[in-house]
C-alpha atoms as a PDB file:
ATOM      1  CA  MET A   1      38.685  54.495 141.106  1.00  0.00           C
ATOM      2  CA  ALA A   2      36.397  56.941 142.878  1.00  0.00           C
ATOM      3  CA  ALA A   3      38.953  57.237 145.680  1.00  0.00           C
ATOM      4  CA  PHE A   4      41.239  59.024 143.209  1.00  0.00           C
ATOM      5  CA  THR A   5      38.927  60.717 140.719  1.00  0.00           C
ATOM      6  CA  ILE A   6      36.562  62.480 143.127  1.00  0.00           C
ATOM      7  CA  PRO A   7      39.278  64.304 145.113  1.00  0.00           C
ATOM      8  CA  LEU A   8      41.192  65.038 141.906  1.00  0.00           C
ATOM      9  CA  ASN A   9      38.095  66.576 140.383  1.00  0.00           C
ATOM     10  CA  SER A  10      37.298  68.753 143.376  1.00  0.00           C
ATOM     11  CA  THR A  11      40.671  70.122 144.545  1.00  0.00           C
ATOM     12  CA  SER A  12      43.458  72.388 143.423  1.00  0.00           C
ATOM     13  CA  ASP A  13      45.803  71.379 146.271  1.00  0.00           C
ATOM     14  CA  GLN A  14      49.006  70.268 144.541  1.00  0.00           C
ATOM     15  CA  HIS A  15      49.779  67.554 147.110  1.00  0.00           C
ATOM     16  CA  VAL A  16      46.327  65.965 146.750  1.00  0.00           C
ATOM     17  CA  VAL A  17      46.552  66.187 142.955  1.00  0.00           C
ATOM     18  CA  GLU A  18      49.932  64.427 142.913  1.00  0.00           C
ATOM     19  CA  MET A  19      48.748  61.684 145.278  1.00  0.00           C
ATOM     20  CA  CYS A  20      45.614  61.016 143.207  1.00  0.00           C
ATOM     21  CA  LEU A  21      47.538  60.952 139.932  1.00  0.00           C
ATOM     22  CA  GLU A  22      50.139  58.622 141.421  1.00  0.00           C
ATOM     23  CA  GLY A  23      47.349  56.352 142.661  1.00  0.00           C
ATOM     24  CA  LEU A  24      45.806  56.203 139.202  1.00  0.00           C
ATOM     25  CA  ARG A  25      49.216  55.517 137.662  1.00  0.00           C
ATOM     26  CA  LEU A  26      49.842  52.646 140.068  1.00  0.00           C
ATOM     27  CA  CYS A  27      46.386  51.175 139.430  1.00  0.00           C
ATOM     28  CA  ILE A  28      47.118  51.190 135.698  1.00  0.00           C
ATOM     29  CA  HIS A  29      50.509  49.601 136.346  1.00  0.00           C
ATOM     30  CA  ILE A  30      48.964  46.814 138.456  1.00  0.00           C
ATOM     31  CA  ALA A  31      46.257  46.218 135.859  1.00  0.00           C
ATOM     32  CA  CYS A  32      48.942  45.817 133.200  1.00  0.00           C
ATOM     33  CA  ILE A  33      51.052  43.438 135.289  1.00  0.00           C
ATOM     34  CA  PHE A  34      48.088  41.129 135.908  1.00  0.00           C
ATOM     35  CA  ASN A  35      46.694  41.441 132.340  1.00  0.00           C
ATOM     36  CA  MET A  36      43.478  43.028 133.599  1.00  0.00           C
ATOM     37  CA  ASP A  37      42.301  44.554 130.335  1.00  0.00           C
ATOM     38  CA  LEU A  38      38.895  45.693 131.591  1.00  0.00           C
ATOM     39  CA  GLU A  39      40.370  47.505 134.589  1.00  0.00           C
ATOM     40  CA  ARG A  40      43.152  49.065 132.535  1.00  0.00           C
ATOM     41  CA  GLY A  41      40.515  50.162 130.040  1.00  0.00           C
ATOM     42  CA  ALA A  42      38.691  51.962 132.851  1.00  0.00           C
ATOM     43  CA  PHE A  43      41.666  53.645 134.532  1.00  0.00           C
ATOM     44  CA  VAL A  44      43.422  54.988 131.433  1.00  0.00           C
ATOM     45  CA  PRO A  45      40.391  56.969 130.174  1.00  0.00           C
ATOM     46  CA  ALA A  46      39.793  58.216 133.724  1.00  0.00           C
ATOM     47  CA  LEU A  47      43.316  59.612 133.775  1.00  0.00           C
ATOM     48  CA  ALA A  48      42.968  60.975 130.237  1.00  0.00           C
ATOM     49  CA  LYS A  49      39.779  62.809 131.248  1.00  0.00           C
ATOM     50  CA  PHE A  50      41.773  64.958 133.668  1.00  0.00           C
ATOM     51  CA  THR A  51      44.072  66.268 130.935  1.00  0.00           C
ATOM     52  CA  SER A  52      41.336  68.607 129.617  1.00  0.00           C
ATOM     53  CA  LEU A  53      42.887  68.457 126.160  1.00  0.00           C
ATOM     54  CA  SER A  54      39.460  68.825 124.583  1.00  0.00           C
ATOM     55  CA  THR A  55      39.082  72.244 126.243  1.00  0.00           C
ATOM     56  CA  PRO A  56      42.550  73.845 126.146  1.00  0.00           C
ATOM     57  CA  HIS A  57      41.302  77.246 127.322  1.00  0.00           C
ATOM     58  CA  GLU A  58      40.390  75.672 130.701  1.00  0.00           C
ATOM     59  CA  ILE A  59      43.700  73.919 131.419  1.00  0.00           C
ATOM     60  CA  LYS A  60      44.917  74.297 135.013  1.00  0.00           C
ATOM     61  CA  PRO A  61      48.150  73.115 136.645  1.00  0.00           C
ATOM     62  CA  LYS A  62      46.501  69.856 137.751  1.00  0.00           C
ATOM     63  CA  ASN A  63      45.576  69.147 134.119  1.00  0.00           C
ATOM     64  CA  ILE A  64      49.183  69.633 133.068  1.00  0.00           C
ATOM     65  CA  GLU A  65      50.242  67.160 135.762  1.00  0.00           C
ATOM     66  CA  ALA A  66      47.672  64.679 134.423  1.00  0.00           C
ATOM     67  CA  ILE A  67      49.198  65.051 130.950  1.00  0.00           C
ATOM     68  CA  ARG A  68      52.653  64.335 132.403  1.00  0.00           C
ATOM     69  CA  TYR A  69      51.401  61.207 134.158  1.00  0.00           C
ATOM     70  CA  LEU A  70      49.596  60.001 131.038  1.00  0.00           C
ATOM     71  CA  LEU A  71      52.729  60.452 128.952  1.00  0.00           C
ATOM     72  CA  GLY A  72      54.742  58.640 131.612  1.00  0.00           C
ATOM     73  CA  LEU A  73      52.739  55.446 131.278  1.00  0.00           C
END
């Protein structure tokens, strides 16, 4: 999980953001396929954290992308 969340937290580069969000999405997908509830329960909140919905005045483009990926699950 850290392979995706640390770069996502520290960059504004759109390509890196998209790759990290796609990685998180695929991890969630794999966890669902193999009925890995604990892992899914860790990845979904990690993705939700990057939406910044609790602080709407600080939303950046990468947060909007995170919202799109979360809605796409």
